[in-house]
Amino acid sequence: MAQEGDLLAKLAVLNYEKLVKKDPAEASKLLFACAKIGFFYLDLSSVTAEKYRNLVSALNRESQEYFSRPLKEKLKDMNSDWEVFNICG
């Protein structure tokens, strides 16, 4: 019997290394997970995924640094031609 805190979800587990190598079976799992489930778990534990993990970490650091700047400084980056989003968010 499930108790509070014991919630489990069935998610597809996708292997980053296989996706990078364009493995057809892994690509099919990705398509199914996106189209039918809406979520998936991307296994980034391989050595091959280290470069990706480092890139994501660097992007997170850069975005935190940028968005912690004062609004006046971020406003210098605004372009009046951009109607889709406000860069100063």
N, C-alpha and C. Protein backbone atom coordinates (compact mmCIF):
# COMPACT_ATOMS: atom_id res chain seq x y z
N MET A 1 0.84 -1.19 0.00
CA MET A 1 0.00 0.00 0.00
C MET A 1 0.88 1.24 0.00
N ALA A 2 0.63 2.15 -0.94
CA ALA A 2 1.42 3.38 -1.05
C ALA A 2 1.07 4.33 0.08
N GLN A 3 2.09 4.98 0.60
CA GLN A 3 1.91 5.97 1.66
C GLN A 3 2.34 7.32 1.14
N GLU A 4 1.96 8.36 1.87
CA GLU A 4 2.36 9.72 1.48
C GLU A 4 3.88 9.76 1.35
N GLY A 5 4.37 10.34 0.26
CA GLY A 5 5.81 10.39 0.02
C GLY A 5 6.31 9.24 -0.83
N ASP A 6 5.46 8.25 -1.07
CA ASP A 6 5.85 7.09 -1.87
C ASP A 6 5.37 7.18 -3.31
N LEU A 7 5.10 8.38 -3.80
CA LEU A 7 4.59 8.53 -5.16
C LEU A 7 5.66 8.17 -6.17
N LEU A 8 5.29 7.38 -7.13
CA LEU A 8 6.21 6.96 -8.18
C LEU A 8 5.59 7.25 -9.53
N ALA A 9 6.41 7.57 -10.47
CA ALA A 9 5.94 7.79 -11.83
C ALA A 9 6.74 6.89 -12.75
N LYS A 10 6.09 6.34 -13.74
CA LYS A 10 6.79 5.53 -14.72
C LYS A 10 7.29 6.47 -15.80
N LEU A 11 8.57 6.62 -15.86
CA LEU A 11 9.20 7.49 -16.85
C LEU A 11 10.15 6.68 -17.71
N ALA A 12 10.24 7.06 -18.95
CA ALA A 12 11.24 6.45 -19.83
C ALA A 12 12.61 6.95 -19.38
N VAL A 13 13.56 6.06 -19.30
CA VAL A 13 14.93 6.42 -18.97
C VAL A 13 15.73 6.38 -20.27
N LEU A 14 16.22 7.55 -20.66
CA LEU A 14 16.96 7.66 -21.91
C LEU A 14 18.45 7.81 -21.64
N ASN A 15 19.23 7.16 -22.45
CA ASN A 15 20.68 7.19 -22.31
C ASN A 15 21.26 8.27 -23.21
N TYR A 16 21.89 9.25 -22.60
CA TYR A 16 22.46 10.38 -23.34
C TYR A 16 23.46 9.90 -24.39
N GLU A 17 24.32 9.00 -24.01
CA GLU A 17 25.36 8.52 -24.92
C GLU A 17 24.76 7.87 -26.16
N LYS A 18 23.70 7.08 -25.98
CA LYS A 18 23.05 6.44 -27.12
C LYS A 18 22.36 7.47 -28.01
N LEU A 19 21.77 8.50 -27.41
CA LEU A 19 21.13 9.54 -28.21
C LEU A 19 22.15 10.30 -29.05
N VAL A 20 23.29 10.60 -28.46
CA VAL A 20 24.35 11.31 -29.19
C VAL A 20 24.85 10.47 -30.36
N LYS A 21 24.89 9.15 -30.16
CA LYS A 21 25.34 8.24 -31.23
C LYS A 21 24.22 7.91 -32.21
N LYS A 22 23.06 8.55 -32.03
CA LYS A 22 21.90 8.38 -32.93
C LYS A 22 21.42 6.93 -33.01
N ASP A 23 21.39 6.28 -31.85
CA ASP A 23 20.88 4.92 -31.76
C ASP A 23 19.38 4.93 -32.08
N PRO A 24 18.95 4.16 -33.10
CA PRO A 24 17.54 4.19 -33.52
C PRO A 24 16.55 3.77 -32.42
N ALA A 25 16.91 2.79 -31.62
CA ALA A 25 16.01 2.34 -30.55
C ALA A 25 15.86 3.43 -29.49
N GLU A 26 16.95 4.10 -29.17
CA GLU A 26 16.90 5.17 -28.17
C GLU A 26 16.12 6.37 -28.71
N ALA A 27 16.28 6.65 -29.99
CA ALA A 27 15.52 7.74 -30.62
C ALA A 27 14.03 7.43 -30.59
N SER A 28 13.66 6.18 -30.79
CA SER A 28 12.25 5.78 -30.72
C SER A 28 11.71 5.96 -29.31
N LYS A 29 12.53 5.60 -28.31
CA LYS A 29 12.11 5.79 -26.92
C LYS A 29 11.89 7.28 -26.62
N LEU A 30 12.76 8.13 -27.17
CA LEU A 30 12.63 9.57 -26.96
C LEU A 30 11.34 10.09 -27.60
N LEU A 31 11.08 9.68 -28.82
CA LEU A 31 9.86 10.10 -29.50
C LEU A 31 8.62 9.67 -28.74
N PHE A 32 8.60 8.42 -28.29
CA PHE A 32 7.47 7.92 -27.53
C PHE A 32 7.29 8.71 -26.24
N ALA A 33 8.38 8.93 -25.52
CA ALA A 33 8.30 9.64 -24.24
C ALA A 33 7.76 11.05 -24.44
N CYS A 34 8.21 11.72 -25.47
CA CYS A 34 7.76 13.09 -25.73
C CYS A 34 6.31 13.14 -26.19
N ALA A 35 5.93 12.22 -27.07
CA ALA A 35 4.60 12.25 -27.66
C ALA A 35 3.53 11.67 -26.75
N LYS A 36 3.85 10.64 -25.99
CA LYS A 36 2.82 9.93 -25.23
C LYS A 36 2.85 10.20 -23.73
N ILE A 37 4.04 10.38 -23.17
CA ILE A 37 4.16 10.55 -21.73
C ILE A 37 4.32 12.03 -21.36
N GLY A 38 5.13 12.72 -22.12
CA GLY A 38 5.37 14.13 -21.86
C GLY A 38 6.59 14.40 -21.00
N PHE A 39 7.17 13.36 -20.44
CA PHE A 39 8.34 13.50 -19.57
C PHE A 39 9.28 12.33 -19.82
N PHE A 40 10.54 12.53 -19.46
CA PHE A 40 11.49 11.43 -19.49
C PHE A 40 12.64 11.77 -18.57
N TYR A 41 13.39 10.76 -18.19
CA TYR A 41 14.58 10.93 -17.37
C TYR A 41 15.77 10.74 -18.28
N LEU A 42 16.64 11.73 -18.35
CA LEU A 42 17.83 11.64 -19.18
C LEU A 42 19.00 11.24 -18.31
N ASP A 43 19.53 10.06 -18.54
CA ASP A 43 20.65 9.53 -17.77
C ASP A 43 21.94 10.19 -18.25
N LEU A 44 22.48 11.05 -17.40
CA LEU A 44 23.72 11.77 -17.72
C LEU A 44 24.91 11.26 -16.91
N SER A 45 24.85 10.00 -16.49
CA SER A 45 25.90 9.48 -15.62
C SER A 45 27.14 9.00 -16.37
N SER A 46 27.08 8.90 -17.67
CA SER A 46 28.23 8.38 -18.42
C SER A 46 29.33 9.44 -18.54
N VAL A 47 30.52 8.97 -18.81
CA VAL A 47 31.65 9.86 -19.02
C VAL A 47 31.40 10.76 -20.22
N THR A 48 30.74 10.22 -21.24
CA THR A 48 30.43 10.98 -22.45
C THR A 48 29.58 12.20 -22.12
N ALA A 49 28.71 12.09 -21.13
CA ALA A 49 27.81 13.19 -20.77
C ALA A 49 28.50 14.27 -19.95
N GLU A 50 29.73 14.05 -19.54
CA GLU A 50 30.42 15.03 -18.70
C GLU A 50 30.54 16.39 -19.39
N LYS A 51 30.87 16.40 -20.66
CA LYS A 51 30.98 17.65 -21.41
C LYS A 51 29.64 18.39 -21.40
N TYR A 52 28.55 17.66 -21.59
CA TYR A 52 27.21 18.26 -21.55
C TYR A 52 26.90 18.83 -20.16
N ARG A 53 27.20 18.05 -19.12
CA ARG A 53 26.97 18.51 -17.74
C ARG A 53 27.75 19.78 -17.46
N ASN A 54 28.99 19.83 -17.91
CA ASN A 54 29.82 21.01 -17.70
C ASN A 54 29.26 22.22 -18.44
N LEU A 55 28.77 22.01 -19.65
CA LEU A 55 28.18 23.10 -20.43
C LEU A 55 26.94 23.65 -19.72
N VAL A 56 26.06 22.76 -19.27
CA VAL A 56 24.85 23.19 -18.58
C VAL A 56 25.20 23.95 -17.31
N SER A 57 26.18 23.48 -16.57
CA SER A 57 26.61 24.18 -15.35
C SER A 57 27.13 25.57 -15.67
N ALA A 58 27.92 25.68 -16.73
CA ALA A 58 28.45 26.98 -17.13
C ALA A 58 27.33 27.93 -17.56
N LEU A 59 26.37 27.41 -18.31
CA LEU A 59 25.24 28.24 -18.73
C LEU A 59 24.42 28.71 -17.53
N ASN A 60 24.23 27.85 -16.55
CA ASN A 60 23.51 28.24 -15.34
C ASN A 60 24.26 29.34 -14.58
N ARG A 61 25.56 29.19 -14.45
CA ARG A 61 26.37 30.21 -13.76
C ARG A 61 26.28 31.56 -14.48
N GLU A 62 26.41 31.52 -15.82
CA GLU A 62 26.35 32.76 -16.60
C GLU A 62 24.99 33.42 -16.51
N SER A 63 23.92 32.64 -16.58
CA SER A 63 22.58 33.23 -16.51
C SER A 63 22.31 33.80 -15.12
N GLN A 64 22.76 33.13 -14.07
CA GLN A 64 22.59 33.67 -12.72
C GLN A 64 23.35 34.98 -12.56
N GLU A 65 24.55 35.01 -13.10
CA GLU A 65 25.36 36.23 -13.02
C GLU A 65 24.70 37.37 -13.78
N TYR A 66 24.20 37.07 -14.97
CA TYR A 66 23.57 38.11 -15.79
C TYR A 66 22.31 38.66 -15.11
N PHE A 67 21.42 37.77 -14.70
CA PHE A 67 20.15 38.23 -14.16
C PHE A 67 20.25 38.80 -12.75
N SER A 68 21.40 38.66 -12.11
CA SER A 68 21.58 39.30 -10.80
C SER A 68 22.05 40.74 -10.94
N ARG A 69 22.35 41.16 -12.16
CA ARG A 69 22.77 42.55 -12.40
C ARG A 69 21.61 43.51 -12.15
N PRO A 70 21.93 44.77 -11.88
CA PRO A 70 20.87 45.77 -11.69
C PRO A 70 20.06 45.95 -12.98
N LEU A 71 18.79 46.27 -12.82
CA LEU A 71 17.89 46.46 -13.96
C LEU A 71 18.44 47.50 -14.93
N LYS A 72 18.99 48.57 -14.41
CA LYS A 72 19.52 49.65 -15.26
C LYS A 72 20.59 49.10 -16.22
N GLU A 73 21.41 48.21 -15.72
CA GLU A 73 22.46 47.62 -16.56
C GLU A 73 21.87 46.67 -17.61
N LYS A 74 20.85 45.88 -17.22
CA LYS A 74 20.22 44.95 -18.17
C LYS A 74 19.44 45.70 -19.24
N LEU A 75 18.90 46.86 -18.91
CA LEU A 75 18.14 47.63 -19.89
C LEU A 75 19.00 48.05 -21.08
N LYS A 76 20.30 48.13 -20.90
CA LYS A 76 21.20 48.46 -22.00
C LYS A 76 21.17 47.38 -23.08
N ASP A 77 20.75 46.19 -22.70
CA ASP A 77 20.69 45.07 -23.65
C ASP A 77 19.37 44.99 -24.40
N MET A 78 18.42 45.83 -24.07
CA MET A 78 17.10 45.79 -24.71
C MET A 78 17.19 46.26 -26.16
N ASN A 79 16.36 45.66 -26.96
CA ASN A 79 16.25 46.03 -28.37
C ASN A 79 14.77 46.26 -28.64
N SER A 80 14.41 47.43 -29.08
CA SER A 80 13.00 47.75 -29.29
C SER A 80 12.35 46.90 -30.37
N ASP A 81 13.14 46.20 -31.19
CA ASP A 81 12.60 45.34 -32.24
C ASP A 81 12.11 44.01 -31.68
N TRP A 82 12.52 43.66 -30.46
CA TRP A 82 12.12 42.40 -29.85
C TRP A 82 10.76 42.56 -29.19
N GLU A 83 9.77 41.89 -29.71
CA GLU A 83 8.44 41.96 -29.15
C GLU A 83 8.05 40.68 -28.41
N VAL A 84 8.83 39.63 -28.56
CA VAL A 84 8.45 38.33 -28.02
C VAL A 84 8.67 38.25 -26.51
N PHE A 85 9.77 38.79 -26.02
CA PHE A 85 10.05 38.68 -24.59
C PHE A 85 10.85 39.91 -24.14
N ASN A 86 10.90 40.05 -22.84
CA ASN A 86 11.64 41.15 -22.23
C ASN A 86 12.90 40.56 -21.61
N ILE A 87 14.05 40.93 -22.10
CA ILE A 87 15.32 40.37 -21.65
C ILE A 87 15.64 40.70 -20.20
N CYS A 88 14.95 41.65 -19.63
CA CYS A 88 15.26 42.09 -18.27
C CYS A 88 14.50 41.32 -17.20
N GLY A 89 13.84 40.25 -17.56
CA GLY A 89 13.02 39.47 -16.64
C GLY A 89 13.67 39.04 -15.38
